Amino acid sequence: MAMKIAILGAGALGCYYGARLAEAGNEVCFIGRSVCDPIKAEGLHVESVHGDIHLSDVNVCRTAEACGPVDLVIVCWKTTCNDQLGNYLPALVHEGTEVLTFQNGMGNAEAISAYVPAERVYIGLCFVCCMMDEPGRIRHLEGGDIQFAPFISSAAGSARAREFAGMFERARIASTAFDHAEQIQWCKLTWNIPFNGLCVAHGGISVKKLFTLPGQDERAEAIMQEVCQAAEMRGFPLRMDIVRWQMERTRVMGDFIPSSAVDYLRGRPVEYDAIWGRTLERAREAGLQAPHWEQLAADIRARLNRA
């Protein structure tokens, strides 16, 4: 059954997944200020390794009030915008509205649950490379898989996560459901912490450039091993081959610039707290000694001029 969906944050990620959902027959409203006029004028264009999409008639608006209440809100904006949740979510929700966060790092579901009951909040972790070259024009380079889990673990929450996975499968997005949000969060963090981090620490470079710098692939792997140890110490062991898998898929990403590095280059706030700050706190709480990860966090803070 098709849903009425709001994409909160119509950047590269939101536009890519929203376009797939619209193509599958869902009623999708994109909310984003800078993209509103270009998409209204020229539609939404997605150049994708999994098949291009052009939506000529797109429901796009600047405000949540213009969209109105929906069945599902998918939060796709950067975590640095979470202080605006109170200005958007109330206008988008009715008594049964559910919220999916596709955001990086940790702490986002907690922020959303201040406005929506926690049992109606879900995590979606996206393994995708996509970029917005200009407003309304998306380049999807690699991946797209999503892992879903309920914020509050329960039998009903797990069942609903499976339903979300099925909905995205019908939109041609490979999807898997899990029972625990933190398990899938650590899975994605094995990539985001080292590669988003190192590309920022080196001044906003691509992963291709990173792999040409002496010793940086070994450094990325060492950081990733520490993230895996944190996950295991917190009770969420990851797949045995995840380090090898992440390193192999990253080597072929070419000129892809991770989102945090793009933000740094464009002078926008970088998601330090969600990706490196809160996660490192949880690792320390578990008793992990993580010298490579700690050094990376210090390098990023220095690059961002943060204490």
Protein backbone atom coordinates (compact mmCIF):
# COMPACT_ATOMS: atom_id res chain seq x y z
CA MET A 1 0.00 0.00 0.00
CA ALA A 2 1.42 3.38 -1.05
CA MET A 3 2.25 5.88 1.68
CA LYS A 4 2.27 9.63 1.97
CA ILE A 5 5.90 10.46 2.74
CA ALA A 6 7.79 13.65 3.58
CA ILE A 7 11.51 13.86 2.84
CA LEU A 8 12.87 16.31 5.41
CA GLY A 9 16.08 17.56 3.87
CA ALA A 10 16.12 17.35 0.08
CA GLY A 11 19.85 16.97 -0.42
CA ALA A 12 21.59 14.23 -2.37
CA LEU A 13 20.52 11.43 -0.02
CA GLY A 14 16.93 12.60 0.39
CA CYS A 15 16.42 13.24 -3.30
CA TYR A 16 17.85 9.87 -4.31
CA TYR A 17 15.73 7.76 -1.97
CA GLY A 18 12.69 10.00 -2.37
CA ALA A 19 12.89 9.63 -6.15
CA ARG A 20 13.00 5.84 -5.82
CA LEU A 21 9.97 5.88 -3.50
CA ALA A 22 8.04 8.18 -5.84
CA GLU A 23 8.93 6.02 -8.83
CA ALA A 24 7.43 3.07 -6.91
CA GLY A 25 4.10 4.87 -6.56
CA ASN A 26 4.32 6.55 -3.16
CA GLU A 27 3.14 10.13 -2.65
CA VAL A 28 6.37 11.96 -1.80
CA CYS A 29 6.80 15.56 -0.67
CA PHE A 30 10.35 16.94 -0.67
CA ILE A 31 11.10 19.69 1.85
CA GLY A 32 14.12 21.85 1.14
CA ARG A 33 14.63 25.57 0.71
CA SER A 34 17.51 25.77 -1.77
CA VAL A 35 16.18 23.07 -4.12
CA CYS A 36 12.57 24.23 -4.22
CA ASP A 37 12.63 26.55 -7.23
CA PRO A 38 15.06 24.49 -9.39
CA ILE A 39 13.05 21.29 -8.89
CA LYS A 40 9.75 23.05 -9.57
CA ALA A 41 11.21 24.44 -12.78
CA GLU A 42 13.11 21.43 -14.11
CA GLY A 43 11.99 18.41 -12.11
CA LEU A 44 14.21 15.98 -10.24
CA HIS A 45 16.98 14.22 -12.18
CA VAL A 46 18.85 11.18 -10.84
CA GLU A 47 21.75 9.71 -12.80
CA SER A 48 22.17 6.30 -11.21
CA VAL A 49 24.21 3.15 -11.62
CA HIS A 50 20.92 1.34 -10.98
CA GLY A 51 18.94 3.19 -13.64
CA ASP A 52 18.25 6.88 -14.19
CA ILE A 53 15.11 8.65 -12.96
CA HIS A 54 13.49 11.88 -14.11
CA LEU A 55 10.47 13.12 -12.19
CA SER A 56 8.90 16.05 -14.00
CA ASP A 57 6.01 16.72 -11.62
CA VAL A 58 7.48 16.90 -8.12
CA ASN A 59 5.81 18.00 -4.89
CA VAL A 60 8.54 20.15 -3.35
CA CYS A 61 8.14 22.92 -0.79
CA ARG A 62 10.14 25.12 1.55
CA THR A 63 8.17 24.57 4.75
CA ALA A 64 6.61 21.71 6.67
CA GLU A 65 3.31 23.61 6.82
CA ALA A 66 3.12 23.60 3.01
CA CYS A 67 3.49 19.83 3.05
CA GLY A 68 1.16 19.06 5.95
CA PRO A 69 0.75 15.80 7.92
CA VAL A 70 2.05 12.59 6.36
CA ASP A 71 2.21 8.88 7.20
CA LEU A 72 6.01 8.75 7.25
CA VAL A 73 8.68 11.40 7.73
CA ILE A 74 12.18 10.49 6.56
CA VAL A 75 14.75 12.78 8.14
CA CYS A 76 17.60 13.20 5.66
CA TRP A 77 19.12 16.51 6.67
CA LYS A 78 22.47 16.75 8.42
CA THR A 79 22.57 16.19 12.17
CA THR A 80 23.74 19.78 12.54
CA CYS A 81 20.16 20.81 11.65
CA ASN A 82 18.53 18.82 14.46
CA ASP A 83 17.96 21.97 16.47
CA GLN A 84 15.29 22.73 13.85
CA LEU A 85 13.26 19.56 14.43
CA GLY A 86 10.80 21.45 16.60
CA ASN A 87 10.12 23.87 13.74
CA TYR A 88 9.27 21.08 11.28
CA LEU A 89 8.06 17.82 12.83
CA PRO A 90 4.89 19.13 14.56
CA ALA A 91 3.41 20.24 11.21
CA LEU A 92 4.22 16.90 9.56
CA VAL A 93 2.80 14.44 12.09
CA HIS A 94 -0.65 13.12 12.88
CA GLU A 95 -1.48 10.61 15.61
CA GLY A 96 -0.08 7.68 13.65
CA THR A 97 2.91 9.25 11.86
CA GLU A 98 6.16 7.31 11.99
CA VAL A 99 9.62 8.80 11.57
CA LEU A 100 12.69 7.25 9.96
CA THR A 101 16.06 8.88 10.43
CA PHE A 102 18.57 8.32 7.64
CA GLN A 103 21.15 10.45 9.45
CA ASN A 104 24.72 9.65 10.34
CA GLY A 105 26.06 8.79 13.77
CA MET A 106 24.25 8.54 17.08
CA GLY A 107 21.80 10.68 19.06
CA ASN A 108 19.35 11.44 16.24
CA ALA A 109 16.52 9.12 17.26
CA GLU A 110 16.78 10.52 20.77
CA ALA A 111 16.33 14.05 19.38
CA ILE A 112 13.36 13.02 17.23
CA SER A 113 11.64 11.24 20.12
CA ALA A 114 11.21 14.61 21.83
CA TYR A 115 8.47 15.27 19.24
CA VAL A 116 7.25 11.79 18.24
CA PRO A 117 6.67 8.80 20.57
CA ALA A 118 9.88 6.76 20.70
CA GLU A 119 8.12 3.55 19.63
CA ARG A 120 7.25 5.23 16.31
CA VAL A 121 10.87 6.21 15.57
CA TYR A 122 13.08 3.99 13.38
CA ILE A 123 16.68 4.01 12.20
CA GLY A 124 17.67 3.58 8.57
CA LEU A 125 21.38 3.30 7.83
CA CYS A 126 22.18 3.95 4.17
CA PHE A 127 25.24 2.52 2.45
CA VAL A 128 25.34 4.74 -0.61
CA CYS A 129 27.54 7.12 -2.58
CA CYS A 130 25.54 9.95 -4.10
CA MET A 131 26.24 13.60 -4.74
CA MET A 132 24.17 16.64 -5.71
CA ASP A 133 26.10 18.39 -8.47
CA GLU A 134 23.51 21.17 -8.56
CA PRO A 135 20.05 21.56 -7.01
CA GLY A 136 17.73 18.83 -8.28
CA ARG A 137 20.46 16.88 -10.10
CA ILE A 138 21.80 13.83 -8.29
CA ARG A 139 24.64 11.50 -9.22
CA HIS A 140 24.31 8.05 -7.63
CA LEU A 141 27.72 6.41 -7.90
CA GLU A 142 27.59 3.23 -5.82
CA GLY A 143 25.55 1.22 -3.33
CA GLY A 144 22.17 2.16 -1.96
CA ASP A 145 21.45 -0.65 0.53
CA ILE A 146 19.60 0.28 3.72
CA GLN A 147 19.51 -1.44 7.11
CA PHE A 148 16.44 -0.79 9.26
CA ALA A 149 15.86 -1.19 12.99
CA PRO A 150 13.46 0.19 15.60
CA PHE A 151 14.80 2.82 17.98
CA ILE A 152 13.03 1.00 20.82
CA SER A 153 13.61 -2.74 20.51
CA SER A 154 10.41 -4.80 20.58
CA ALA A 155 8.73 -7.57 18.61
CA ALA A 156 6.34 -5.05 17.09
CA GLY A 157 9.20 -2.71 16.24
CA SER A 158 11.16 -5.48 14.53
CA ALA A 159 8.11 -6.47 12.51
CA ARG A 160 7.58 -2.88 11.40
CA ALA A 161 11.27 -2.58 10.44
CA ARG A 162 10.75 -5.60 8.18
CA GLU A 163 7.76 -3.85 6.60
CA PHE A 164 9.89 -0.78 5.90
CA ALA A 165 12.52 -3.02 4.31
CA GLY A 166 9.83 -4.52 2.10
CA MET A 167 8.59 -1.08 1.05
CA PHE A 168 12.09 -0.05 -0.01
CA GLU A 169 12.66 -3.37 -1.78
CA ARG A 170 9.60 -2.53 -3.89
CA ALA A 171 11.35 0.74 -4.70
CA ARG A 172 14.38 -1.24 -5.97
CA ILE A 173 16.48 -0.58 -2.86
CA ALA A 174 18.16 -3.62 -1.30
CA SER A 175 17.07 -3.58 2.34
CA THR A 176 17.49 -5.63 5.51
CA ALA A 177 15.77 -5.39 8.90
CA PHE A 178 17.44 -5.84 12.29
CA ASP A 179 16.20 -5.87 15.88
CA HIS A 180 18.59 -3.37 17.51
CA ALA A 181 19.37 0.15 16.33
CA GLU A 182 22.84 0.30 17.86
CA GLN A 183 23.91 -2.81 15.98
CA ILE A 184 23.36 -1.22 12.57
CA GLN A 185 24.68 2.15 13.73
CA TRP A 186 28.07 0.60 14.54
CA CYS A 187 28.04 -1.17 11.18
CA LYS A 188 27.87 2.09 9.25
CA LEU A 189 30.23 3.84 11.64
CA THR A 190 32.97 1.39 10.64
CA TRP A 191 33.04 3.40 7.39
CA ASN A 192 31.98 6.87 8.48
CA ILE A 193 34.39 7.25 11.36
CA PRO A 194 37.61 6.45 9.45
CA PHE A 195 36.79 7.61 5.92
CA ASN A 196 34.59 10.63 6.53
CA GLY A 197 37.07 11.52 9.26
CA LEU A 198 40.32 11.13 7.38
CA CYS A 199 38.99 12.96 4.34
CA VAL A 200 38.07 15.90 6.59
CA ALA A 201 41.33 15.74 8.54
CA HIS A 202 43.26 16.02 5.28
CA GLY A 203 41.36 19.12 4.21
CA GLY A 204 38.34 17.79 2.33
CA ILE A 205 39.81 15.25 -0.07
CA SER A 206 38.29 12.36 -2.03
CA VAL A 207 38.73 8.73 -1.03
CA LYS A 208 40.81 8.27 -4.19
CA LYS A 209 43.23 10.95 -3.00
CA LEU A 210 43.26 9.47 0.51
CA PHE A 211 44.50 6.13 -0.79
CA THR A 212 47.44 7.83 -2.52
CA LEU A 213 48.71 9.28 0.77
CA PRO A 214 51.38 7.09 2.42
CA GLY A 215 50.09 5.02 5.32
CA GLN A 216 46.51 6.32 5.25
CA ASP A 217 44.92 3.04 4.16
CA GLU A 218 46.63 1.31 7.09
CA ARG A 219 45.49 4.13 9.37
CA ALA A 220 41.89 3.78 8.17
CA GLU A 221 41.98 0.04 8.81
CA ALA A 222 43.39 0.53 12.32
CA ILE A 223 40.64 3.02 13.19
CA MET A 224 38.03 0.66 11.76
CA GLN A 225 39.31 -2.19 13.90
CA GLU A 226 38.84 -0.02 16.99
CA VAL A 227 35.27 0.83 15.98
CA CYS A 228 34.58 -2.90 15.61
CA GLN A 229 36.01 -3.48 19.09
CA ALA A 230 33.70 -0.78 20.49
CA ALA A 231 30.68 -2.44 18.92
CA GLU A 232 31.65 -5.84 20.35
CA MET A 233 32.32 -4.44 23.83
CA ARG A 234 28.88 -2.82 23.79
CA GLY A 235 27.28 -6.17 22.92
CA PHE A 236 26.86 -5.77 19.16
CA PRO A 237 29.56 -7.81 17.40
CA LEU A 238 29.77 -7.14 13.68
CA ARG A 239 30.32 -9.53 10.78
CA MET A 240 33.79 -11.04 10.76
CA ASP A 241 34.74 -9.74 7.30
CA ILE A 242 33.43 -6.19 7.68
CA VAL A 243 36.87 -4.52 7.69
CA ARG A 244 37.96 -6.29 4.51
CA TRP A 245 34.57 -5.56 2.89
CA GLN A 246 34.68 -1.86 3.76
CA MET A 247 38.26 -1.45 2.56
CA GLU A 248 37.58 -3.22 -0.74
CA ARG A 249 34.42 -1.25 -1.56
CA THR A 250 36.10 2.04 -0.67
CA ARG A 251 39.10 1.46 -2.94
CA VAL A 252 36.80 1.51 -6.00
CA MET A 253 34.80 4.63 -5.07
CA GLY A 254 37.09 6.82 -7.16
CA ASP A 255 36.63 10.58 -6.82
CA PHE A 256 33.80 10.30 -4.30
CA ILE A 257 34.10 12.94 -1.56
CA PRO A 258 32.39 11.90 1.69
CA SER A 259 29.59 14.15 2.92
CA SER A 260 31.51 15.57 5.87
CA ALA A 261 34.41 16.51 3.59
CA VAL A 262 31.97 18.20 1.21
CA ASP A 263 30.54 20.17 4.12
CA TYR A 264 34.03 21.19 5.19
CA LEU A 265 34.95 22.35 1.68
CA ARG A 266 31.74 24.38 1.39
CA GLY A 267 32.18 26.02 4.77
CA ARG A 268 29.16 24.29 6.31
CA PRO A 269 29.01 22.77 9.81
CA VAL A 270 30.54 19.29 10.01
CA GLU A 271 28.71 16.52 11.91
CA TYR A 272 31.47 16.08 14.48
CA ASP A 273 29.26 15.37 17.50
CA ALA A 274 27.07 12.70 15.88
CA ILE A 275 29.81 10.81 14.05
CA TRP A 276 32.90 11.17 16.25
CA GLY A 277 31.96 12.83 19.54
CA ARG A 278 29.04 10.77 20.88
CA THR A 279 30.34 7.52 19.44
CA LEU A 280 33.74 7.95 21.07
CA GLU A 281 31.99 8.63 24.38
CA ARG A 282 30.15 5.31 24.08
CA ALA A 283 33.39 3.51 23.27
CA ARG A 284 35.04 5.02 26.33
CA GLU A 285 32.04 4.04 28.48
CA ALA A 286 32.60 0.45 27.34
CA GLY A 287 36.23 0.68 28.50
CA LEU A 288 37.86 0.73 25.07
CA GLN A 289 41.35 2.13 24.56
CA ALA A 290 41.27 3.53 21.00
CA PRO A 291 44.45 5.53 20.30
CA HIS A 292 44.01 5.69 16.50
CA TRP A 293 40.40 6.82 16.80
CA GLU A 294 41.29 9.34 19.52
CA GLN A 295 44.03 10.81 17.33
CA LEU A 296 41.65 11.09 14.38
CA ALA A 297 39.10 12.91 16.55
CA ALA A 298 41.83 15.30 17.71
CA ASP A 299 42.92 15.92 14.10
CA ILE A 300 39.34 16.69 13.05
CA ARG A 301 38.85 19.09 15.96
CA ALA A 302 42.07 20.86 14.98
CA ARG A 303 40.91 21.12 11.37
CA LEU A 304 37.55 22.52 12.53
CA ASN A 305 39.17 24.81 15.12
CA ARG A 306 37.27 23.10 17.93
CA ALA A 307 38.61 22.75 21.44
